[in-house]
C-alpha atoms as a PDB file:
ATOM      1  CA  MET A   1     -16.211  -0.385   7.695  1.00  0.00           C
ATOM      2  CA  GLN A   2     -15.307   2.903   6.054  1.00  0.00           C
ATOM      3  CA  SER A   3     -14.982   3.106   2.305  1.00  0.00           C
ATOM      4  CA  ILE A   4     -11.466   3.502   0.981  1.00  0.00           C
ATOM      5  CA  GLU A   5     -12.242   7.134   0.120  1.00  0.00           C
ATOM      6  CA  GLU A   6     -13.431   7.907   3.661  1.00  0.00           C
ATOM      7  CA  HIS A   7     -10.488   6.071   5.225  1.00  0.00           C
ATOM      8  CA  VAL A   8      -7.887   7.851   3.089  1.00  0.00           C
ATOM      9  CA  HIS A   9      -9.485  11.271   3.527  1.00  0.00           C
ATOM     10  CA  HIS A  10      -9.666  10.887   7.318  1.00  0.00           C
ATOM     11  CA  LEU A  11      -6.099   9.664   7.727  1.00  0.00           C
ATOM     12  CA  TYR A  12      -4.675  12.245   5.322  1.00  0.00           C
ATOM     13  CA  TRP A  13      -6.583  15.350   6.383  1.00  0.00           C
ATOM     14  CA  ASP A  14      -7.494  14.712  10.022  1.00  0.00           C
ATOM     15  CA  LEU A  15      -4.379  12.833  11.181  1.00  0.00           C
ATOM     16  CA  ASP A  16      -1.770  13.723   8.512  1.00  0.00           C
ATOM     17  CA  ILE A  17      -0.769  10.056   8.123  1.00  0.00           C
ATOM     18  CA  ASN A  18       1.445   9.263   5.121  1.00  0.00           C
ATOM     19  CA  CYS A  19       0.492   7.045   2.202  1.00  0.00           C
ATOM     20  CA  ALA A  20       2.413   3.949   3.328  1.00  0.00           C
ATOM     21  CA  ARG A  21       0.836   3.926   6.781  1.00  0.00           C
ATOM     22  CA  THR A  22      -2.591   4.775   5.352  1.00  0.00           C
ATOM     23  CA  THR A  23      -2.280   1.773   3.021  1.00  0.00           C
ATOM     24  CA  LEU A  24      -1.141  -0.544   5.803  1.00  0.00           C
ATOM     25  CA  MET A  25      -3.905   0.602   8.127  1.00  0.00           C
ATOM     26  CA  TYR A  26      -6.690   0.171   5.577  1.00  0.00           C
ATOM     27  CA  LEU A  27      -5.523  -3.258   4.413  1.00  0.00           C
ATOM     28  CA  ALA A  28      -5.039  -4.476   7.985  1.00  0.00           C
ATOM     29  CA  GLN A  29      -8.556  -3.378   8.886  1.00  0.00           C
ATOM     30  CA  TYR A  30     -10.068  -4.814   5.706  1.00  0.00           C
ATOM     31  CA  PHE A  31      -8.340  -8.213   6.003  1.00  0.00           C
ATOM     32  CA  LYS A  32      -8.573  -8.279   9.813  1.00  0.00           C
ATOM     33  CA  ILE A  33      -4.841  -8.644  10.347  1.00  0.00           C
ATOM     34  CA  PRO A  34      -3.483  -6.885  13.446  1.00  0.00           C
ATOM     35  CA  LEU A  35      -0.478  -4.612  13.016  1.00  0.00           C
ATOM     36  CA  ASN A  36       1.899  -3.899  15.847  1.00  0.00           C
ATOM     37  CA  ASP A  37       3.142  -0.423  16.655  1.00  0.00           C
ATOM     38  CA  GLN A  38       6.636  -1.151  15.327  1.00  0.00           C
ATOM     39  CA  THR A  39       5.252  -1.947  11.880  1.00  0.00           C
ATOM     40  CA  LEU A  40       3.463   1.389  11.710  1.00  0.00           C
ATOM     41  CA  GLN A  41       6.522   3.178  13.115  1.00  0.00           C
ATOM     42  CA  ALA A  42       8.710   1.544  10.460  1.00  0.00           C
ATOM     43  CA  ALA A  43       6.444   3.029   7.776  1.00  0.00           C
ATOM     44  CA  ILE A  44       6.789   6.642   8.981  1.00  0.00           C
ATOM     45  CA  GLY A  45       9.501   7.449   6.431  1.00  0.00           C
ATOM     46  CA  MET A  46       8.031   5.308   3.680  1.00  0.00           C
ATOM     47  CA  HIS A  47       6.477   7.906   1.486  1.00  0.00           C
ATOM     48  CA  GLY A  48       9.008   7.986  -1.268  1.00  0.00           C
ATOM     49  CA  GLY A  49      11.895   7.878   1.182  1.00  0.00           C
ATOM     50  CA  GLY A  50      10.534  10.560   3.520  1.00  0.00           C
ATOM     51  CA  GLY A  51       9.442  12.692   0.565  1.00  0.00           C
ATOM     52  CA  PHE A  52      12.628  12.118  -1.426  1.00  0.00           C
ATOM     53  CA  GLY A  53      10.672  10.801  -4.414  1.00  0.00           C
ATOM     54  CA  ALA A  54      12.040   7.240  -4.345  1.00  0.00           C
ATOM     55  CA  GLN A  55       9.849   4.111  -4.317  1.00  0.00           C
ATOM     56  CA  CYS A  56       6.259   5.159  -3.680  1.00  0.00           C
ATOM     57  CA  GLY A  57       4.880   4.652  -0.176  1.00  0.00           C
ATOM     58  CA  LEU A  58       1.754   3.154  -1.705  1.00  0.00           C
ATOM     59  CA  VAL A  59       3.938   0.351  -3.040  1.00  0.00           C
ATOM     60  CA  GLU A  60       6.025   0.067   0.120  1.00  0.00           C
ATOM     61  CA  GLY A  61       3.005  -0.128   2.417  1.00  0.00           C
ATOM     62  CA  SER A  62       1.342  -2.646   0.121  1.00  0.00           C
ATOM     63  CA  LEU A  63       4.432  -4.850  -0.055  1.00  0.00           C
ATOM     64  CA  MET A  64       4.801  -4.756   3.719  1.00  0.00           C
ATOM     65  CA  PHE A  65       1.174  -5.760   4.169  1.00  0.00           C
ATOM     66  CA  LEU A  66       1.354  -8.445   1.491  1.00  0.00           C
ATOM     67  CA  ALA A  67       4.276 -10.056   3.319  1.00  0.00           C
ATOM     68  CA  ILE A  68       2.503  -9.821   6.698  1.00  0.00           C
ATOM     69  CA  TYR A  69      -0.684 -11.284   5.226  1.00  0.00           C
ATOM     70  CA  CYS A  70       1.091 -14.121   3.425  1.00  0.00           C
ATOM     71  CA  ALA A  71       3.155 -14.970   6.507  1.00  0.00           C
ATOM     72  CA  SER A  72      -0.090 -15.182   8.505  1.00  0.00           C
ATOM     73  CA  MET A  73      -1.229 -17.789   5.953  1.00  0.00           C
ATOM     74  CA  GLY A  74       1.946 -19.798   6.619  1.00  0.00           C
ATOM     75  CA  LEU A  75       3.523 -19.190   3.202  1.00  0.00           C
ATOM     76  CA  SER A  76       7.274 -19.588   2.807  1.00  0.00           C
ATOM     77  CA  ASP A  77       9.645 -16.646   2.493  1.00  0.00           C
ATOM     78  CA  ALA A  78      10.442 -17.710  -1.067  1.00  0.00           C
ATOM     79  CA  LEU A  79       6.779 -17.709  -2.085  1.00  0.00           C
ATOM     80  CA  ILE A  80       6.161 -14.367  -0.351  1.00  0.00           C
ATOM     81  CA  SER A  81       9.081 -12.892  -2.267  1.00  0.00           C
ATOM     82  CA  LYS A  82       7.663 -14.199  -5.564  1.00  0.00           C
ATOM     83  CA  LEU A  83       4.243 -12.744  -4.759  1.00  0.00           C
ATOM     84  CA  CYS A  84       5.811  -9.377  -3.958  1.00  0.00           C
ATOM     85  CA  PHE A  85       7.602  -9.493  -7.313  1.00  0.00           C
ATOM     86  CA  SER A  86       4.310 -10.300  -9.060  1.00  0.00           C
ATOM     87  CA  TYR A  87       2.616  -7.455  -7.210  1.00  0.00           C
ATOM     88  CA  ALA A  88       5.326  -4.994  -8.296  1.00  0.00           C
ATOM     89  CA  GLN A  89       4.963  -6.118 -11.912  1.00  0.00           C
ATOM     90  CA  ALA A  90       1.179  -5.752 -11.748  1.00  0.00           C
ATOM     91  CA  PHE A  91       1.489  -2.329 -10.115  1.00  0.00           C
ATOM     92  CA  ILE A  92       3.774  -1.128 -12.908  1.00  0.00           C
ATOM     93  CA  SER A  93       1.378  -2.515 -15.527  1.00  0.00           C
ATOM     94  CA  THR A  94      -1.488  -0.589 -13.967  1.00  0.00           C
ATOM     95  CA  PHE A  95       0.171   2.620 -12.729  1.00  0.00           C
ATOM     96  CA  SER A  96       3.300   2.806 -14.972  1.00  0.00           C
ATOM     97  CA  SER A  97       5.943   3.043 -12.233  1.00  0.00           C
ATOM     98  CA  LEU A  98       6.927   2.234  -8.663  1.00  0.00           C
ATOM     99  CA  GLU A  99       8.567   5.628  -8.149  1.00  0.00           C
ATOM    100  CA  CYS A 100       6.838   8.324  -6.163  1.00  0.00           C
ATOM    101  CA  SER A 101       8.347  11.117  -8.252  1.00  0.00           C
ATOM    102  CA  VAL A 102       6.802   9.569 -11.385  1.00  0.00           C
ATOM    103  CA  LEU A 103       3.432   8.591  -9.899  1.00  0.00           C
ATOM    104  CA  ARG A 104       2.797  11.826  -8.039  1.00  0.00           C
ATOM    105  CA  PRO A 105       0.721  14.240 -10.125  1.00  0.00           C
ATOM    106  CA  GLY A 106       3.202  16.814 -11.447  1.00  0.00           C
ATOM    107  CA  GLY A 107       6.130  15.329  -9.533  1.00  0.00           C
ATOM    108  CA  PHE A 108       7.262  17.400  -6.552  1.00  0.00           C
ATOM    109  CA  GLN A 109       6.895  21.180  -6.402  1.00  0.00           C
ATOM    110  CA  ARG A 110       7.290  23.481  -3.399  1.00  0.00           C
ATOM    111  CA  SER A 111       3.857  24.886  -4.188  1.00  0.00           C
ATOM    112  CA  ASP A 112       2.126  21.470  -4.023  1.00  0.00           C
ATOM    113  CA  PRO A 113      -1.004  21.378  -1.896  1.00  0.00           C
ATOM    114  CA  PRO A 114      -1.059  18.809   0.911  1.00  0.00           C
ATOM    115  CA  HIS A 115      -2.148  15.259   0.140  1.00  0.00           C
ATOM    116  CA  LEU A 116      -1.889  15.680  -3.613  1.00  0.00           C
ATOM    117  CA  CYS A 117      -1.971  11.882  -4.048  1.00  0.00           C
ATOM    118  CA  GLU A 118      -5.331  11.299  -2.366  1.00  0.00           C
ATOM    119  CA  GLY A 119      -7.036  10.057  -5.552  1.00  0.00           C
ATOM    120  CA  LEU A 120      -4.047   7.903  -6.499  1.00  0.00           C
ATOM    121  CA  THR A 121      -4.010   6.480  -2.977  1.00  0.00           C
ATOM    122  CA  VAL A 122      -7.636   5.391  -3.231  1.00  0.00           C
ATOM    123  CA  ARG A 123      -7.000   3.693  -6.598  1.00  0.00           C
ATOM    124  CA  ALA A 124      -3.778   2.026  -5.387  1.00  0.00           C
ATOM    125  CA  ILE A 125      -5.384   0.675  -2.216  1.00  0.00           C
ATOM    126  CA  ALA A 126      -8.317  -0.733  -4.222  1.00  0.00           C
ATOM    127  CA  PHE A 127      -5.831  -2.294  -6.656  1.00  0.00           C
ATOM    128  CA  THR A 128      -3.884  -3.870  -3.786  1.00  0.00           C
ATOM    129  CA  ARG A 129      -7.019  -5.123  -2.035  1.00  0.00           C
ATOM    130  CA  ASP A 130      -8.160  -6.749  -5.283  1.00  0.00           C
ATOM    131  CA  PHE A 131      -4.694  -8.246  -5.907  1.00  0.00           C
ATOM    132  CA  ILE A 132      -4.719  -9.839  -2.446  1.00  0.00           C
ATOM    133  CA  GLU A 133      -8.297 -11.093  -2.791  1.00  0.00           C
ATOM    134  CA  ASP A 134      -7.531 -12.619  -6.203  1.00  0.00           C
ATOM    135  CA  PHE A 135      -4.434 -14.293  -4.791  1.00  0.00           C
ATOM    136  CA  SER A 136      -6.318 -15.491  -1.709  1.00  0.00           C
ATOM    137  CA  HIS A 137      -9.113 -17.047  -3.774  1.00  0.00           C
ATOM    138  CA  ALA A 138      -6.593 -18.747  -6.050  1.00  0.00           C
ATOM    139  CA  THR A 139      -4.752 -20.355  -3.124  1.00  0.00           C
ATOM    140  CA  LYS A 140      -7.746 -21.628  -1.136  1.00  0.00           C
ATOM    141  CA  PRO A 141      -8.045 -25.406  -1.187  1.00  0.00           C
ATOM    142  CA  VAL A 142     -10.958 -26.778  -3.197  1.00  0.00           C
ATOM    143  CA  ASP A 143     -13.278 -29.105  -1.262  1.00  0.00           C
END
């Protein structure tokens, strides 16, 4: 399996995939959860609202995957919602915001180079992977 850095770099630079889809694709591969085409299509505009600067696509993709993963474990909608809330709180504690315009280095400028958030993406995906692994280990039944 590719490292997060290799995965992000390939999807950003070779395929021009946005942050939300990049996050979904890495997490799905890492946790061996299949994604259908509609899920990936739904994430096309999820990079701050299509570049608007709203909720960050790294958060949106992570929340989508967290719900898919938890549903595959048979968790209730109410519990999934609580876990998503906990994830958002933890993300803010670590990265300071959920908003793309705040998280993006320097905000948004016309002169921005492509894929300015590559480093942030790597850190956010690692954070999300660790959040899910910690949650998964905490919910496994003890023999």
